Structures are given as structure tokens and as C-alpha cells.
């Protein structure tokens, strides 16, 4: 748990450092249809703070009759982020993450609680420990995706160095 929290605590700060104050020329491009721009990634992370990690953890901990997670809408940020600025999304993400981590810490989870399960709509039974580990890796994945989308904007400009910059050609 402490290692997971180390990542989860840092993500809002890392994204703020990477993105705050950048122009739309940096934050609006994506990698093609059904991919995320930097703006979309932050909106997606905001939606996850509201609808994914802690709500699913509550379901697992409750061990009630309904342990099946609601399906997650990977593109909910399209509607939820409409009319917001990137600065607003970064602030919202930070605020939600602080509140979610405070709730997570308040549970003072035991090894037996981390082994409790819920039911994912696609994967079946998953443990609370797996959910929390996935939350941290999900953060890292979207941080990498943001870096990749930003880097690809210089795909041509780097000239021959592209051969040494695999981030420019990764999907």
C-alpha cells in the first residue's frame, strides 16, 4: 500500500508540472481516432476519481449482495470536460485525488481486506489489492501517454534523431 500511495500522491503534481500553462497547440492534439489528447487524459483521470477507483473499492469493502462493478465509460470525459479549461481539470483532479487518498488512508486496510473481491464486468473476480495496484499503473500509463502525445508533435522536427527517440513511433 505505501508504494501504491507514493505514485497516487504524485500524479497530480507531475501532471501539473507537465501541463500547466501550455497552449492548446500542445494540449489538444491526439494520436488519431478514439485516442486521448493531454486535455482528454486529464479529463479521463478526473472521471476515474469520481466513478472508478474509490467507488469500486467501496463495493469490495461492503461485501454486500451486489459486488458487480458498474461498467466504466472510458470516454465520459468528452461530455464532463466540455467547457472546462485544462487548468480547471488539473485543479479538479488534484482536489478529488486528495479527498480519495484521505478516504483510502482512513480505511487502514488489512491484508485480509486487500484480499476481498468484487466483480469486474469484463474480468470477473478481482481483489481490492489488484484494483489499487491498477489505479497506480493507470496513472503511470496516462502520464506516459501524455508525454508521448506531446513528444509526437516534434516527430518531423527532430530530423535524424528520430531513430534514437522511440517515444515518437510508439502507439
Protein backbone atom coordinates (compact mmCIF):
# COMPACT_ATOMS: atom_id res chain seq x y z
CA UNK A 1 0.00 0.00 0.00
CA UNK A 2 2.63 2.63 0.82
CA UNK A 3 4.28 2.13 -2.58
CA UNK A 4 0.92 2.49 -4.31
CA UNK A 5 0.18 5.67 -2.39
CA UNK A 6 3.60 7.07 -3.38
CA UNK A 7 2.55 7.00 -7.04
CA UNK A 8 -1.05 8.09 -6.48
CA UNK A 9 0.02 11.12 -4.43
CA UNK A 10 2.48 12.31 -7.05
CA UNK A 11 0.38 12.08 -10.19
CA UNK A 12 -1.50 15.40 -9.79
CA UNK A 13 1.79 17.22 -9.11
CA UNK A 14 3.50 15.55 -12.07
CA UNK A 15 0.68 16.42 -14.45
CA UNK A 16 0.51 19.97 -13.19
CA UNK A 17 4.25 20.31 -13.77
CA UNK A 18 3.99 18.84 -17.28
CA UNK A 19 0.91 20.69 -18.47
CA UNK A 20 0.08 23.86 -16.52
CA UNK A 21 0.30 26.91 -18.73
CA UNK A 22 0.85 25.06 -22.00
CA UNK A 23 -1.01 26.36 -25.03
CA UNK A 24 -3.77 24.45 -26.79
CA UNK A 25 -1.24 23.66 -29.53
CA UNK A 26 0.38 21.31 -27.02
CA UNK A 27 -2.63 20.02 -25.13
CA UNK A 28 -5.26 19.49 -27.85
CA UNK A 29 -3.55 17.12 -30.35
CA UNK A 30 -4.13 13.39 -30.02
CA UNK A 31 -2.83 10.30 -31.80
CA UNK A 32 -5.85 9.69 -34.03
CA UNK A 33 -9.44 8.49 -33.70
CA UNK A 34 -10.50 7.33 -30.23
CA UNK A 35 -7.21 8.42 -28.66
CA UNK A 36 -6.67 10.99 -25.94
CA UNK A 37 -5.03 14.38 -26.07
CA UNK A 38 -3.30 15.68 -22.94
CA UNK A 39 -6.55 17.54 -22.15
CA UNK A 40 -8.59 14.35 -22.64
CA UNK A 41 -6.21 12.36 -20.43
CA UNK A 42 -6.66 14.74 -17.52
CA UNK A 43 -10.44 14.72 -18.01
CA UNK A 44 -10.35 10.91 -18.06
CA UNK A 45 -8.39 10.86 -14.81
CA UNK A 46 -10.93 13.26 -13.24
CA UNK A 47 -13.76 10.94 -14.27
CA UNK A 48 -11.89 7.98 -12.78
CA UNK A 49 -11.59 9.77 -9.45
CA UNK A 50 -15.36 10.18 -9.41
CA UNK A 51 -16.56 6.91 -10.91
CA UNK A 52 -13.90 4.22 -10.74
CA UNK A 53 -11.33 3.60 -8.04
CA UNK A 54 -12.89 4.59 -4.73
CA UNK A 55 -16.47 3.68 -5.72
CA UNK A 56 -15.29 0.21 -6.72
CA UNK A 57 -13.20 -0.12 -3.57
CA UNK A 58 -16.32 0.71 -1.53
CA UNK A 59 -18.22 -2.05 -3.32
CA UNK A 60 -15.49 -4.54 -2.47
CA UNK A 61 -15.26 -3.48 1.17
CA UNK A 62 -19.04 -3.54 1.65
CA UNK A 63 -19.17 -7.22 0.61
CA UNK A 64 -22.88 -6.73 0.07
CA UNK A 65 -25.17 -8.74 -2.18
CA UNK A 66 -24.23 -6.66 -5.24
CA UNK A 67 -20.48 -6.85 -5.77
CA UNK A 68 -20.51 -6.26 -9.52
CA UNK A 69 -18.90 -3.00 -10.65
CA UNK A 70 -20.81 -0.72 -12.98
CA UNK A 71 -19.23 -0.63 -16.44
CA UNK A 72 -16.77 2.22 -16.83
CA UNK A 73 -17.24 4.75 -19.64
CA UNK A 74 -13.71 5.36 -20.99
CA UNK A 75 -14.91 8.39 -22.93
CA UNK A 76 -17.11 10.09 -20.30
CA UNK A 77 -14.63 12.98 -20.18
CA UNK A 78 -15.81 14.16 -23.60
CA UNK A 79 -19.05 15.36 -22.01
CA UNK A 80 -17.80 16.01 -18.49
CA UNK A 81 -14.88 18.20 -19.59
CA UNK A 82 -16.86 20.25 -22.10
CA UNK A 83 -16.49 23.95 -21.39
CA UNK A 84 -13.70 23.47 -18.86
CA UNK A 85 -10.12 24.63 -19.18
CA UNK A 86 -7.12 22.41 -18.63
CA UNK A 87 -6.28 24.46 -15.54
CA UNK A 88 -9.73 23.70 -14.13
CA UNK A 89 -9.32 19.99 -14.84
CA UNK A 90 -5.87 19.89 -13.22
CA UNK A 91 -7.26 21.61 -10.12
CA UNK A 92 -10.29 19.31 -10.03
CA UNK A 93 -8.08 16.25 -10.38
CA UNK A 94 -5.84 17.41 -7.53
CA UNK A 95 -8.79 18.13 -5.25
CA UNK A 96 -10.51 14.81 -5.96
CA UNK A 97 -7.29 12.84 -5.57
CA UNK A 98 -6.54 14.41 -2.17
CA UNK A 99 -10.05 13.53 -0.97
CA UNK A 100 -9.88 9.99 -2.36
CA UNK A 101 -6.50 9.28 -0.82
CA UNK A 102 -7.70 10.63 2.54
CA UNK A 103 -10.62 8.21 2.36
CA UNK A 104 -8.35 5.34 1.32
CA UNK A 105 -5.97 6.03 4.21
CA UNK A 106 -8.86 6.26 6.68
CA UNK A 107 -9.74 2.64 5.93
CA UNK A 108 -6.40 1.44 7.36
CA UNK A 109 -6.68 -1.66 5.20
CA UNK A 110 -5.58 -5.05 6.49
CA UNK A 111 -4.15 -7.87 4.40
CA UNK A 112 -7.48 -9.69 4.65
CA UNK A 113 -9.35 -6.62 3.37
CA UNK A 114 -6.93 -6.27 0.45
CA UNK A 115 -7.79 -9.88 -0.47
CA UNK A 116 -11.56 -9.17 -0.62
CA UNK A 117 -13.08 -9.34 -4.09
CA UNK A 118 -15.59 -7.60 -6.29
CA UNK A 119 -16.74 -8.47 -9.77
CA UNK A 120 -15.41 -6.58 -12.77
CA UNK A 121 -17.80 -6.65 -15.77
CA UNK A 122 -15.07 -7.96 -18.11
CA UNK A 123 -12.52 -9.69 -15.84
CA UNK A 124 -14.73 -11.37 -13.24
CA UNK A 125 -13.44 -11.58 -9.66
CA UNK A 126 -10.73 -9.07 -8.76
CA UNK A 127 -9.19 -8.25 -5.40
CA UNK A 128 -9.01 -4.88 -3.73
CA UNK A 129 -5.22 -5.15 -3.89
CA UNK A 130 -5.41 -5.66 -7.66
CA UNK A 131 -7.75 -2.67 -8.00
CA UNK A 132 -5.41 -0.39 -6.05
CA UNK A 133 -2.32 -1.58 -7.96
CA UNK A 134 -4.19 -0.99 -11.21
CA UNK A 135 -5.05 2.55 -10.09
CA UNK A 136 -1.35 3.37 -9.73
CA UNK A 137 -0.40 1.75 -13.04
CA UNK A 138 -3.33 3.51 -14.73
CA UNK A 139 -1.88 6.83 -13.54
CA UNK A 140 1.55 5.92 -14.89
CA UNK A 141 0.08 4.79 -18.20
CA UNK A 142 -1.76 8.06 -18.72
CA UNK A 143 1.28 10.07 -17.67
CA UNK A 144 3.28 8.18 -20.31
CA UNK A 145 0.53 8.70 -22.86
CA UNK A 146 0.57 12.45 -22.21
CA UNK A 147 4.36 12.55 -22.63
CA UNK A 148 4.08 10.54 -25.86
CA UNK A 149 1.36 12.79 -27.32
CA UNK A 150 3.46 15.86 -26.50
CA UNK A 151 6.63 14.34 -27.93
CA UNK A 152 4.97 13.30 -31.20
CA UNK A 153 4.39 16.92 -32.04
CA UNK A 154 8.12 17.10 -32.85
CA UNK A 155 8.22 13.89 -34.88
CA UNK A 156 9.42 15.69 -38.03
CA UNK A 157 11.38 18.49 -36.38
CA UNK A 158 13.89 16.16 -34.67
CA UNK A 159 15.17 15.03 -38.04
CA UNK A 160 17.58 12.08 -37.96
CA UNK A 161 17.48 11.86 -34.14
CA UNK A 162 14.08 10.19 -34.54
CA UNK A 163 15.96 6.91 -34.86
CA UNK A 164 17.01 7.31 -31.21
CA UNK A 165 13.65 8.53 -29.90
CA UNK A 166 11.30 5.51 -29.78
CA UNK A 167 8.61 7.56 -28.00
CA UNK A 168 7.90 9.20 -31.36
CA UNK A 169 6.79 5.99 -33.03
CA UNK A 170 5.06 4.07 -30.24
CA UNK A 171 1.30 3.69 -30.48
